[in-house]
Amino acid sequence: MNMEQLKEILSYIKYGTDVEITVSSKGHSASGYEEKTITVTLGKRSDYERTR
């Protein structure tokens, strides 16, 4: 999934909603990658734009 696809999916979810996101990064496992799941709370786009 790329960033544009992620933005499209998240655009349908109301702010304040908790979502789980799984990320993969290089690690020491047999496959060479390790996955970690984190929970984030979505904010309003306008809140993000004000902080930029």
C-alpha atoms as a PDB file:
ATOM      1  CA  MET A   1       0.000   0.000   0.000  1.00  0.00           C
ATOM      2  CA  ASN A   2       1.317   3.459  -0.788  1.00  0.00           C
ATOM      3  CA  MET A   3       0.645   6.761   0.978  1.00  0.00           C
ATOM      4  CA  GLU A   4      -2.090   7.860  -1.449  1.00  0.00           C
ATOM      5  CA  GLN A   5      -3.982   4.602  -0.915  1.00  0.00           C
ATOM      6  CA  LEU A   6      -3.674   4.981   2.856  1.00  0.00           C
ATOM      7  CA  LYS A   7      -4.978   8.571   2.702  1.00  0.00           C
ATOM      8  CA  GLU A   8      -7.947   7.428   0.612  1.00  0.00           C
ATOM      9  CA  ILE A   9      -8.889   4.718   3.112  1.00  0.00           C
ATOM     10  CA  LEU A  10      -8.482   7.006   6.117  1.00  0.00           C
ATOM     11  CA  SER A  11     -10.573   9.750   4.507  1.00  0.00           C
ATOM     12  CA  TYR A  12     -13.691   7.630   5.130  1.00  0.00           C
ATOM     13  CA  ILE A  13     -13.043   7.194   8.865  1.00  0.00           C
ATOM     14  CA  LYS A  14     -14.271   9.819  11.342  1.00  0.00           C
ATOM     15  CA  TYR A  15     -11.709  11.760  13.376  1.00  0.00           C
ATOM     16  CA  GLY A  16     -11.410  10.611  16.962  1.00  0.00           C
ATOM     17  CA  THR A  17     -11.551   6.967  15.870  1.00  0.00           C
ATOM     18  CA  ASP A  18      -8.820   4.621  17.105  1.00  0.00           C
ATOM     19  CA  VAL A  19      -7.294   2.532  14.313  1.00  0.00           C
ATOM     20  CA  GLU A  20      -4.656  -0.176  14.363  1.00  0.00           C
ATOM     21  CA  ILE A  21      -1.811   0.133  11.890  1.00  0.00           C
ATOM     22  CA  THR A  22       0.717  -2.619  11.243  1.00  0.00           C
ATOM     23  CA  VAL A  23       4.148  -1.486  10.091  1.00  0.00           C
ATOM     24  CA  SER A  24       7.042  -3.597   8.836  1.00  0.00           C
ATOM     25  CA  SER A  25      10.658  -2.707   9.343  1.00  0.00           C
ATOM     26  CA  LYS A  26      13.996  -4.389   8.854  1.00  0.00           C
ATOM     27  CA  GLY A  27      14.741  -6.600  11.793  1.00  0.00           C
ATOM     28  CA  HIS A  28      16.470  -9.703  12.967  1.00  0.00           C
ATOM     29  CA  SER A  29      13.739 -12.243  12.239  1.00  0.00           C
ATOM     30  CA  ALA A  30      14.178 -15.102   9.774  1.00  0.00           C
ATOM     31  CA  SER A  31      12.314 -13.183   7.065  1.00  0.00           C
ATOM     32  CA  GLY A  32      14.427 -10.082   7.592  1.00  0.00           C
ATOM     33  CA  TYR A  33      11.423  -7.993   8.607  1.00  0.00           C
ATOM     34  CA  GLU A  34       9.565  -7.475  11.837  1.00  0.00           C
ATOM     35  CA  GLU A  35       5.972  -6.328  12.128  1.00  0.00           C
ATOM     36  CA  LYS A  36       4.627  -4.116  14.866  1.00  0.00           C
ATOM     37  CA  THR A  37       0.999  -3.090  15.365  1.00  0.00           C
ATOM     38  CA  ILE A  38       0.292   0.319  16.853  1.00  0.00           C
ATOM     39  CA  THR A  39      -2.965   2.045  17.746  1.00  0.00           C
ATOM     40  CA  VAL A  40      -3.420   5.670  16.735  1.00  0.00           C
ATOM     41  CA  THR A  41      -6.301   8.110  17.164  1.00  0.00           C
ATOM     42  CA  LEU A  42      -7.216   9.965  14.002  1.00  0.00           C
ATOM     43  CA  GLY A  43      -7.312  13.733  14.241  1.00  0.00           C
ATOM     44  CA  LYS A  44      -8.966  16.403  12.119  1.00  0.00           C
ATOM     45  CA  ARG A  45      -7.162  17.407   8.959  1.00  0.00           C
ATOM     46  CA  SER A  46      -7.643  21.080   9.932  1.00  0.00           C
ATOM     47  CA  ASP A  47      -5.790  20.432  13.232  1.00  0.00           C
ATOM     48  CA  TYR A  48      -2.831  19.031  11.268  1.00  0.00           C
ATOM     49  CA  GLU A  49      -2.784  21.925   8.816  1.00  0.00           C
ATOM     50  CA  ARG A  50      -2.701  24.484  11.660  1.00  0.00           C
ATOM     51  CA  THR A  51       0.434  22.893  13.133  1.00  0.00           C
ATOM     52  CA  ARG A  52       2.412  23.023   9.882  1.00  0.00           C
END
